[in-house]
């Protein structure tokens, strides 16, 4: 049943003390997992964007 999900989502769906037994449980868990995975990706992208912008500002402020 887990083969229908991306690997990163399948890991999240099957994790825990009780694996899902119904397709509806799998889908619910997959939706939640995808939400958190995407949220994490967005946060990481924002972090690196901010770091890149900070580095550019520091570089501009350095005397030549």
Protein backbone atom coordinates (compact mmCIF):
# COMPACT_ATOMS: atom_id res chain seq x y z
CA UNK A 1 0.00 0.00 0.00
CA UNK A 2 2.91 2.38 0.68
CA UNK A 3 4.22 2.12 -2.88
CA UNK A 4 1.65 4.68 -4.00
CA UNK A 5 3.42 7.40 -1.99
CA UNK A 6 6.72 9.18 -2.46
CA UNK A 7 9.44 7.65 -0.31
CA UNK A 8 9.63 10.60 2.11
CA UNK A 9 5.87 10.51 2.64
CA UNK A 10 5.71 6.70 2.88
CA UNK A 11 8.24 6.81 5.72
CA UNK A 12 6.06 9.27 7.60
CA UNK A 13 2.85 7.37 6.90
CA UNK A 14 4.23 4.06 8.13
CA UNK A 15 6.02 5.55 11.14
CA UNK A 16 4.58 5.37 14.61
CA UNK A 17 3.46 2.75 17.06
CA UNK A 18 0.51 1.59 14.95
CA UNK A 19 0.78 1.45 11.15
CA UNK A 20 -2.32 2.41 9.18
CA UNK A 21 -4.66 -0.43 8.29
CA UNK A 22 -7.16 1.38 6.06
CA UNK A 23 -6.54 3.29 2.86
CA UNK A 24 -8.31 6.29 4.35
CA UNK A 25 -5.84 6.25 7.27
CA UNK A 26 -2.95 6.16 4.81
CA UNK A 27 -4.33 9.07 2.83
CA UNK A 28 -4.97 11.14 5.96
CA UNK A 29 -1.45 10.51 7.22
CA UNK A 30 0.00 11.22 3.78
CA UNK A 31 -1.79 14.56 3.58
CA UNK A 32 -0.46 15.55 7.01
CA UNK A 33 3.04 14.32 6.16
CA UNK A 34 3.09 16.24 2.88
CA UNK A 35 1.92 19.38 4.67
CA UNK A 36 4.75 19.18 7.22
CA UNK A 37 7.35 18.22 4.62
CA UNK A 38 6.37 21.20 2.46
CA UNK A 39 6.33 23.50 5.47
CA UNK A 40 9.84 22.36 6.36
CA UNK A 41 11.04 22.88 2.76
CA UNK A 42 9.61 26.41 2.75
CA UNK A 43 11.25 27.23 6.08
CA UNK A 44 14.62 25.91 4.87
CA UNK A 45 14.34 27.86 1.61
CA UNK A 46 13.50 31.04 3.52
CA UNK A 47 16.42 30.45 5.90
CA UNK A 48 18.92 30.09 3.07
CA UNK A 49 17.44 33.05 1.18
CA UNK A 50 17.85 35.21 4.28
CA UNK A 51 21.42 34.00 4.80
CA UNK A 52 22.26 34.77 1.16
CA UNK A 53 20.78 38.27 1.48
CA UNK A 54 22.67 38.89 4.73
CA UNK A 55 25.91 37.78 3.11
CA UNK A 56 25.30 40.14 0.18
CA UNK A 57 24.71 43.06 2.55
CA UNK A 58 27.86 42.30 4.51
CA UNK A 59 29.84 42.09 1.29
CA UNK A 60 28.51 45.50 0.17
CA UNK A 61 29.47 47.07 3.49
CA UNK A 62 33.05 45.83 3.37
CA UNK A 63 35.60 48.41 2.24
CA UNK A 64 37.18 47.71 -1.11
